[in-house]
PDB file of N, CA and C in Angstrom:
ATOM      1  N   MET A   1      49.163 -34.392 -12.928  1.00  0.00           N
ATOM      2  CA  MET A   1      49.039 -32.934 -12.728  1.00  0.00           C
ATOM      3  C   MET A   1      48.299 -32.584 -13.983  1.00  0.00           C
ATOM      4  N   ALA A   2      47.363 -31.518 -13.603  1.00  0.00           N
ATOM      5  CA  ALA A   2      46.723 -31.087 -14.902  1.00  0.00           C
ATOM      6  C   ALA A   2      47.472 -30.303 -15.636  1.00  0.00           C
ATOM      7  N   GLU A   3      47.349 -30.110 -16.991  1.00  0.00           N
ATOM      8  CA  GLU A   3      48.102 -29.148 -17.953  1.00  0.00           C
ATOM      9  C   GLU A   3      47.358 -27.786 -17.634  1.00  0.00           C
ATOM     10  N   LYS A   4      48.172 -26.901 -17.733  1.00  0.00           N
ATOM     11  CA  LYS A   4      47.854 -25.403 -17.850  1.00  0.00           C
ATOM     12  C   LYS A   4      47.273 -25.136 -18.982  1.00  0.00           C
ATOM     13  N   PRO A   5      46.153 -24.422 -19.168  1.00  0.00           N
ATOM     14  CA  PRO A   5      45.748 -23.964 -20.515  1.00  0.00           C
ATOM     15  C   PRO A   5      46.337 -23.069 -21.231  1.00  0.00           C
ATOM     16  N   THR A   6      46.417 -23.324 -22.442  1.00  0.00           N
ATOM     17  CA  THR A   6      47.209 -22.318 -23.136  1.00  0.00           C
ATOM     18  C   THR A   6      46.693 -20.736 -23.218  1.00  0.00           C
ATOM     19  N   ILE A   7      47.790 -20.016 -23.690  1.00  0.00           N
ATOM     20  CA  ILE A   7      47.486 -18.525 -23.791  1.00  0.00           C
ATOM     21  C   ILE A   7      45.974 -18.473 -24.572  1.00  0.00           C
ATOM     22  N   ARG A   8      45.965 -19.125 -25.501  1.00  0.00           N
ATOM     23  CA  ARG A   8      44.808 -18.821 -26.621  1.00  0.00           C
ATOM     24  C   ARG A   8      43.652 -19.361 -25.895  1.00  0.00           C
ATOM     25  N   GLU A   9      43.746 -20.590 -25.093  1.00  0.00           N
ATOM     26  CA  GLU A   9      42.579 -21.140 -24.504  1.00  0.00           C
ATOM     27  C   GLU A   9      42.086 -20.321 -23.272  1.00  0.00           C
ATOM     28  N   HIS A  10      43.056 -19.587 -22.535  1.00  0.00           N
ATOM     29  CA  HIS A  10      42.720 -18.730 -21.669  1.00  0.00           C
ATOM     30  C   HIS A  10      42.081 -17.599 -22.195  1.00  0.00           C
ATOM     31  N   LEU A  11      42.621 -16.915 -23.047  1.00  0.00           N
ATOM     32  CA  LEU A  11      41.901 -15.621 -23.650  1.00  0.00           C
ATOM     33  C   LEU A  11      40.448 -16.073 -24.251  1.00  0.00           C
ATOM     34  N   SER A  12      40.381 -17.119 -24.882  1.00  0.00           N
ATOM     35  CA  SER A  12      39.048 -17.650 -25.503  1.00  0.00           C
ATOM     36  C   SER A  12      38.018 -17.886 -24.383  1.00  0.00           C
ATOM     37  N   LYS A  13      38.532 -18.430 -23.335  1.00  0.00           N
ATOM     38  CA  LYS A  13      37.611 -18.582 -22.111  1.00  0.00           C
ATOM     39  C   LYS A  13      37.111 -17.226 -21.468  1.00  0.00           C
ATOM     40  N   HIS A  14      37.936 -16.175 -21.534  1.00  0.00           N
ATOM     41  CA  HIS A  14      37.669 -14.833 -20.980  1.00  0.00           C
ATOM     42  C   HIS A  14      36.795 -14.003 -22.104  1.00  0.00           C
ATOM     43  N   ASP A  15      37.146 -14.185 -23.317  1.00  0.00           N
ATOM     44  CA  ASP A  15      36.125 -13.809 -24.356  1.00  0.00           C
ATOM     45  C   ASP A  15      34.765 -14.240 -24.188  1.00  0.00           C
ATOM     46  N   ARG A  16      34.718 -15.368 -23.927  1.00  0.00           N
ATOM     47  CA  ARG A  16      33.237 -16.008 -23.850  1.00  0.00           C
ATOM     48  C   ARG A  16      32.607 -15.611 -22.738  1.00  0.00           C
ATOM     49  N   GLU A  17      33.511 -15.396 -21.384  1.00  0.00           N
ATOM     50  CA  GLU A  17      32.756 -14.684 -20.364  1.00  0.00           C
ATOM     51  C   GLU A  17      32.458 -13.212 -20.521  1.00  0.00           C
ATOM     52  N   ILE A  18      33.301 -12.526 -21.343  1.00  0.00           N
ATOM     53  CA  ILE A  18      33.002 -11.082 -21.477  1.00  0.00           C
ATOM     54  C   ILE A  18      31.526 -10.914 -22.410  1.00  0.00           C
ATOM     55  N   ALA A  19      31.624 -12.127 -23.526  1.00  0.00           N
ATOM     56  CA  ALA A  19      30.361 -11.906 -24.169  1.00  0.00           C
ATOM     57  C   ALA A  19      29.108 -12.290 -23.431  1.00  0.00           C
ATOM     58  N   ALA A  20      29.331 -13.286 -22.227  1.00  0.00           N
ATOM     59  CA  ALA A  20      27.990 -13.682 -21.702  1.00  0.00           C
ATOM     60  C   ALA A  20      27.682 -12.274 -20.598  1.00  0.00           C
ATOM     61  N   ILE A  21      28.707 -11.727 -20.027  1.00  0.00           N
ATOM     62  CA  ILE A  21      28.591 -10.671 -19.418  1.00  0.00           C
ATOM     63  C   ILE A  21      27.865  -9.707 -20.122  1.00  0.00           C
ATOM     64  N   ARG A  22      28.342  -9.346 -21.324  1.00  0.00           N
ATOM     65  CA  ARG A  22      27.491  -8.521 -22.342  1.00  0.00           C
ATOM     66  C   ARG A  22      26.061  -8.524 -22.480  1.00  0.00           C
ATOM     67  N   LYS A  23      25.969 -10.038 -22.653  1.00  0.00           N
ATOM     68  CA  LYS A  23      24.473 -10.349 -23.132  1.00  0.00           C
ATOM     69  C   LYS A  23      23.555  -9.981 -21.816  1.00  0.00           C
ATOM     70  N   LEU A  24      24.186 -10.249 -20.467  1.00  0.00           N
ATOM     71  CA  LEU A  24      23.412 -10.016 -19.351  1.00  0.00           C
ATOM     72  C   LEU A  24      23.042  -8.641 -19.330  1.00  0.00           C
ATOM     73  N   VAL A  25      24.101  -7.757 -19.377  1.00  0.00           N
ATOM     74  CA  VAL A  25      23.826  -6.307 -19.300  1.00  0.00           C
ATOM     75  C   VAL A  25      22.862  -5.841 -20.396  1.00  0.00           C
ATOM     76  N   LEU A  26      22.915  -6.304 -21.415  1.00  0.00           N
ATOM     77  CA  LEU A  26      21.860  -5.796 -22.605  1.00  0.00           C
ATOM     78  C   LEU A  26      20.535  -6.418 -22.247  1.00  0.00           C
ATOM     79  N   THR A  27      20.336  -7.537 -21.817  1.00  0.00           N
ATOM     80  CA  THR A  27      19.320  -7.897 -21.324  1.00  0.00           C
ATOM     81  C   THR A  27      18.469  -7.435 -20.187  1.00  0.00           C
ATOM     82  N   GLY A  28      19.375  -7.051 -19.219  1.00  0.00           N
ATOM     83  CA  GLY A  28      18.998  -6.121 -18.199  1.00  0.00           C
ATOM     84  C   GLY A  28      18.357  -4.748 -18.665  1.00  0.00           C
ATOM     85  N   MET A  29      19.134  -4.059 -19.537  1.00  0.00           N
ATOM     86  CA  MET A  29      18.935  -2.841 -20.133  1.00  0.00           C
ATOM     87  C   MET A  29      17.411  -2.791 -20.746  1.00  0.00           C
ATOM     88  N   LYS A  30      17.280  -3.943 -21.389  1.00  0.00           N
ATOM     89  CA  LYS A  30      15.856  -4.077 -22.188  1.00  0.00           C
ATOM     90  C   LYS A  30      14.986  -4.365 -21.186  1.00  0.00           C
ATOM     91  N   MET A  31      15.151  -4.970 -20.194  1.00  0.00           N
ATOM     92  CA  MET A  31      14.109  -5.305 -19.065  1.00  0.00           C
ATOM     93  C   MET A  31      13.737  -3.835 -18.431  1.00  0.00           C
ATOM     94  N   LEU A  32      14.754  -3.146 -18.189  1.00  0.00           N
ATOM     95  CA  LEU A  32      14.578  -1.729 -17.597  1.00  0.00           C
ATOM     96  C   LEU A  32      13.742  -0.876 -18.510  1.00  0.00           C
ATOM     97  N   VAL A  33      14.091  -0.791 -19.759  1.00  0.00           N
ATOM     98  CA  VAL A  33      13.180  -0.243 -20.634  1.00  0.00           C
ATOM     99  C   VAL A  33      11.682  -0.576 -20.474  1.00  0.00           C
ATOM    100  N   ARG A  34      11.519  -1.727 -20.669  1.00  0.00           N
ATOM    101  CA  ARG A  34      10.152  -2.293 -20.469  1.00  0.00           C
ATOM    102  C   ARG A  34       9.396  -2.037 -19.342  1.00  0.00           C
ATOM    103  N   LEU A  35      10.284  -2.015 -18.115  1.00  0.00           N
ATOM    104  CA  LEU A  35       9.714  -1.587 -16.932  1.00  0.00           C
ATOM    105  C   LEU A  35       9.322  -0.199 -16.952  1.00  0.00           C
ATOM    106  N   GLU A  36      10.155   0.486 -17.119  1.00  0.00           N
ATOM    107  CA  GLU A  36       9.941   2.180 -17.366  1.00  0.00           C
ATOM    108  C   GLU A  36       8.676   2.468 -18.242  1.00  0.00           C
ATOM    109  N   THR A  37       8.334   1.832 -19.231  1.00  0.00           N
ATOM    110  CA  THR A  37       7.453   2.053 -20.152  1.00  0.00           C
ATOM    111  C   THR A  37       6.061   1.414 -19.177  1.00  0.00           C
ATOM    112  N   SER A  38       6.122   0.298 -18.657  1.00  0.00           N
ATOM    113  CA  SER A  38       4.949   0.094 -17.837  1.00  0.00           C
ATOM    114  C   SER A  38       4.635   0.910 -16.575  1.00  0.00           C
ATOM    115  N   GLN A  39       5.657   1.313 -16.286  1.00  0.00           N
ATOM    116  CA  GLN A  39       5.539   2.281 -15.022  1.00  0.00           C
ATOM    117  C   GLN A  39       4.828   3.468 -15.530  1.00  0.00           C
ATOM    118  N   ARG A  40       5.237   4.251 -16.744  1.00  0.00           N
ATOM    119  CA  ARG A  40       4.607   5.343 -17.114  1.00  0.00           C
ATOM    120  C   ARG A  40       3.035   4.862 -17.338  1.00  0.00           C
ATOM    121  N   GLU A  41       2.892   3.924 -17.970  1.00  0.00           N
ATOM    122  CA  GLU A  41       1.364   3.341 -18.313  1.00  0.00           C
ATOM    123  C   GLU A  41       0.600   3.425 -16.963  1.00  0.00           C
ATOM    124  N   LEU A  42       1.130   2.789 -16.060  1.00  0.00           N
ATOM    125  CA  LEU A  42       0.491   2.729 -14.634  1.00  0.00           C
ATOM    126  C   LEU A  42       0.296   3.987 -14.051  1.00  0.00           C
ATOM    127  N   GLN A  43       1.140   4.867 -14.166  1.00  0.00           N
ATOM    128  CA  GLN A  43       1.132   6.160 -13.595  1.00  0.00           C
ATOM    129  C   GLN A  43      -0.183   6.824 -14.148  1.00  0.00           C
ATOM    130  N   ALA A  44      -0.112   6.865 -15.786  1.00  0.00           N
ATOM    131  CA  ALA A  44      -1.308   7.648 -16.342  1.00  0.00           C
ATOM    132  C   ALA A  44      -2.459   6.954 -16.026  1.00  0.00           C
ATOM    133  N   SER A  45      -2.583   5.625 -15.774  1.00  0.00           N
ATOM    134  CA  SER A  45      -3.788   5.069 -15.312  1.00  0.00           C
ATOM    135  C   SER A  45      -4.277   5.606 -13.804  1.00  0.00           C
ATOM    136  N   GLN A  46      -3.229   5.530 -13.004  1.00  0.00           N
ATOM    137  CA  GLN A  46      -3.390   5.869 -11.733  1.00  0.00           C
ATOM    138  C   GLN A  46      -3.768   7.335 -11.732  1.00  0.00           C
ATOM    139  N   ARG A  47      -3.388   8.317 -12.576  1.00  0.00           N
ATOM    140  CA  ARG A  47      -3.832   9.699 -12.339  1.00  0.00           C
ATOM    141  C   ARG A  47      -5.307   9.654 -12.784  1.00  0.00           C
ATOM    142  N   GLU A  48      -5.817   8.959 -13.955  1.00  0.00           N
ATOM    143  CA  GLU A  48      -7.141   8.762 -14.129  1.00  0.00           C
ATOM    144  C   GLU A  48      -7.928   8.212 -13.213  1.00  0.00           C
ATOM    145  N   THR A  49      -7.593   7.332 -12.503  1.00  0.00           N
ATOM    146  CA  THR A  49      -8.337   6.675 -11.517  1.00  0.00           C
ATOM    147  C   THR A  49      -8.461   7.555 -10.273  1.00  0.00           C
ATOM    148  N   ASP A  50      -7.587   8.422 -10.037  1.00  0.00           N
ATOM    149  CA  ASP A  50      -7.648   9.478  -8.921  1.00  0.00           C
ATOM    150  C   ASP A  50      -8.608  10.430  -9.440  1.00  0.00           C
ATOM    151  N   LYS A  51      -8.633  11.006 -10.673  1.00  0.00           N
ATOM    152  CA  LYS A  51      -9.721  11.813 -11.054  1.00  0.00           C
ATOM    153  C   LYS A  51     -11.040  11.510 -10.790  1.00  0.00           C
ATOM    154  N   GLU A  52     -11.405  10.447 -11.386  1.00  0.00           N
ATOM    155  CA  GLU A  52     -12.502   9.670 -11.452  1.00  0.00           C
ATOM    156  C   GLU A  52     -13.009   9.455  -9.809  1.00  0.00           C
ATOM    157  N   LEU A  53     -11.988   9.113  -9.059  1.00  0.00           N
ATOM    158  CA  LEU A  53     -12.497   8.858  -7.389  1.00  0.00           C
ATOM    159  C   LEU A  53     -12.824  10.240  -6.864  1.00  0.00           C
ATOM    160  N   LYS A  54     -12.185  11.226  -7.207  1.00  0.00           N
ATOM    161  CA  LYS A  54     -12.217  12.693  -6.743  1.00  0.00           C
ATOM    162  C   LYS A  54     -13.525  13.138  -7.332  1.00  0.00           C
ATOM    163  N   ILE A  55     -14.034  12.810  -8.582  1.00  0.00           N
ATOM    164  CA  ILE A  55     -15.507  13.009  -9.073  1.00  0.00           C
ATOM    165  C   ILE A  55     -16.425  12.522  -8.233  1.00  0.00           C
ATOM    166  N   LEU A  56     -16.290  11.124  -8.041  1.00  0.00           N
ATOM    167  CA  LEU A  56     -17.320  10.378  -7.406  1.00  0.00           C
ATOM    168  C   LEU A  56     -17.521  10.820  -5.849  1.00  0.00           C
ATOM    169  N   ILE A  57     -16.446  11.280  -5.222  1.00  0.00           N
ATOM    170  CA  ILE A  57     -16.578  11.647  -3.776  1.00  0.00           C
ATOM    171  C   ILE A  57     -17.216  13.002  -3.864  1.00  0.00           C
ATOM    172  N   ARG A  58     -16.902  13.929  -4.697  1.00  0.00           N
ATOM    173  CA  ARG A  58     -17.709  15.216  -4.846  1.00  0.00           C
ATOM    174  C   ARG A  58     -19.249  15.118  -4.913  1.00  0.00           C
ATOM    175  N   SER A  59     -19.345  13.869  -6.085  1.00  0.00           N
ATOM    176  CA  SER A  59     -20.883  13.674  -6.274  1.00  0.00           C
ATOM    177  C   SER A  59     -21.631  13.064  -4.980  1.00  0.00           C
ATOM    178  N   LEU A  60     -20.927  12.299  -4.142  1.00  0.00           N
ATOM    179  CA  LEU A  60     -21.574  11.875  -3.104  1.00  0.00           C
ATOM    180  C   LEU A  60     -21.666  12.841  -2.007  1.00  0.00           C
ATOM    181  N   ARG A  61     -20.899  13.717  -1.829  1.00  0.00           N
ATOM    182  CA  ARG A  61     -21.049  14.775  -0.713  1.00  0.00           C
ATOM    183  C   ARG A  61     -22.320  15.588  -0.892  1.00  0.00           C
ATOM    184  N   GLY A  62     -22.822  15.609  -2.059  1.00  0.00           N
ATOM    185  CA  GLY A  62     -24.053  16.319  -2.297  1.00  0.00           C
ATOM    186  C   GLY A  62     -25.171  15.708  -1.451  1.00  0.00           C
ATOM    187  N   GLY A  63     -25.134  14.485  -1.508  1.00  0.00           N
ATOM    188  CA  GLY A  63     -26.198  13.780  -0.283  1.00  0.00           C
ATOM    189  C   GLY A  63     -27.551  13.431  -0.831  1.00  0.00           C
ATOM    190  N   THR A  64     -27.892  14.151  -1.981  1.00  0.00           N
ATOM    191  CA  THR A  64     -29.274  13.958  -2.450  1.00  0.00           C
ATOM    192  C   THR A  64     -29.334  13.634  -3.952  1.00  0.00           C
ATOM    193  N   ASN A  65     -30.461  13.345  -4.343  1.00  0.00           N
ATOM    194  CA  ASN A  65     -30.689  13.078  -5.916  1.00  0.00           C
ATOM    195  C   ASN A  65     -31.781  14.068  -6.423  1.00  0.00           C
ATOM    196  N   GLY A  66     -31.698  15.205  -5.728  1.00  0.00           N
ATOM    197  CA  GLY A  66     -32.645  16.397  -6.303  1.00  0.00           C
ATOM    198  C   GLY A  66     -33.761  16.507  -5.440  1.00  0.00           C
ATOM    199  N   HIS A  67     -33.928  15.719  -4.521  1.00  0.00           N
ATOM    200  CA  HIS A  67     -35.138  15.939  -3.453  1.00  0.00           C
ATOM    201  C   HIS A  67     -34.535  16.526  -2.364  1.00  0.00           C
ATOM    202  N   ALA A  68     -35.491  17.409  -1.788  1.00  0.00           N
ATOM    203  CA  ALA A  68     -35.177  17.911  -0.489  1.00  0.00           C
ATOM    204  C   ALA A  68     -35.543  16.996   0.736  1.00  0.00           C
ATOM    205  N   LYS A  69     -34.612  17.214   1.570  1.00  0.00           N
ATOM    206  CA  LYS A  69     -34.642  16.175   2.861  1.00  0.00           C
ATOM    207  C   LYS A  69     -35.898  16.866   3.667  1.00  0.00           C
ATOM    208  N   ARG A  70     -36.594  15.666   4.191  1.00  0.00           N
ATOM    209  CA  ARG A  70     -37.743  16.198   5.077  1.00  0.00           C
ATOM    210  C   ARG A  70     -37.341  15.828   6.473  1.00  0.00           C
ATOM    211  N   LYS A  71     -37.788  16.686   7.213  1.00  0.00           N
ATOM    212  CA  LYS A  71     -37.737  16.272   8.698  1.00  0.00           C
ATOM    213  C   LYS A  71     -38.937  15.463   9.308  1.00  0.00           C
ATOM    214  N   VAL A  72     -38.537  14.202  10.010  1.00  0.00           N
ATOM    215  CA  VAL A  72     -39.663  13.569  10.537  1.00  0.00           C
ATOM    216  C   VAL A  72     -39.789  13.752  11.901  1.00  0.00           C
ATOM    217  N   ASN A  73     -41.073  14.168  12.176  1.00  0.00           N
ATOM    218  CA  ASN A  73     -41.545  14.580  13.561  1.00  0.00           C
ATOM    219  C   ASN A  73     -41.963  13.249  14.273  1.00  0.00           C
ATOM    220  N   LEU A  74     -41.269  12.849  15.207  1.00  0.00           N
ATOM    221  CA  LEU A  74     -41.706  11.663  16.010  1.00  0.00           C
ATOM    222  C   LEU A  74     -42.593  12.141  17.270  1.00  0.00           C
ATOM    223  N   PRO A  75     -43.551  11.464  17.686  1.00  0.00           N
ATOM    224  CA  PRO A  75     -44.343  11.870  18.954  1.00  0.00           C
ATOM    225  C   PRO A  75     -43.676  11.630  20.049  1.00  0.00           C
TER     226      PRO A  75
END
């Protein structure tokens, strides 16, 4: 029959488990901060891209490069 761990061993094991859980939580929090920062940068970049796309679309709607369109008469 296996010996039961002593109270000190049992508490020591729990302390190690708590320390490991704490480390996981802190690592997760750091990851969330990095993710949030990246997301803000992506949002700013996306806003700039949207503005540039709208400008491009407006410029293409004009349809000409300064020359008047001529009608072609076909026989």
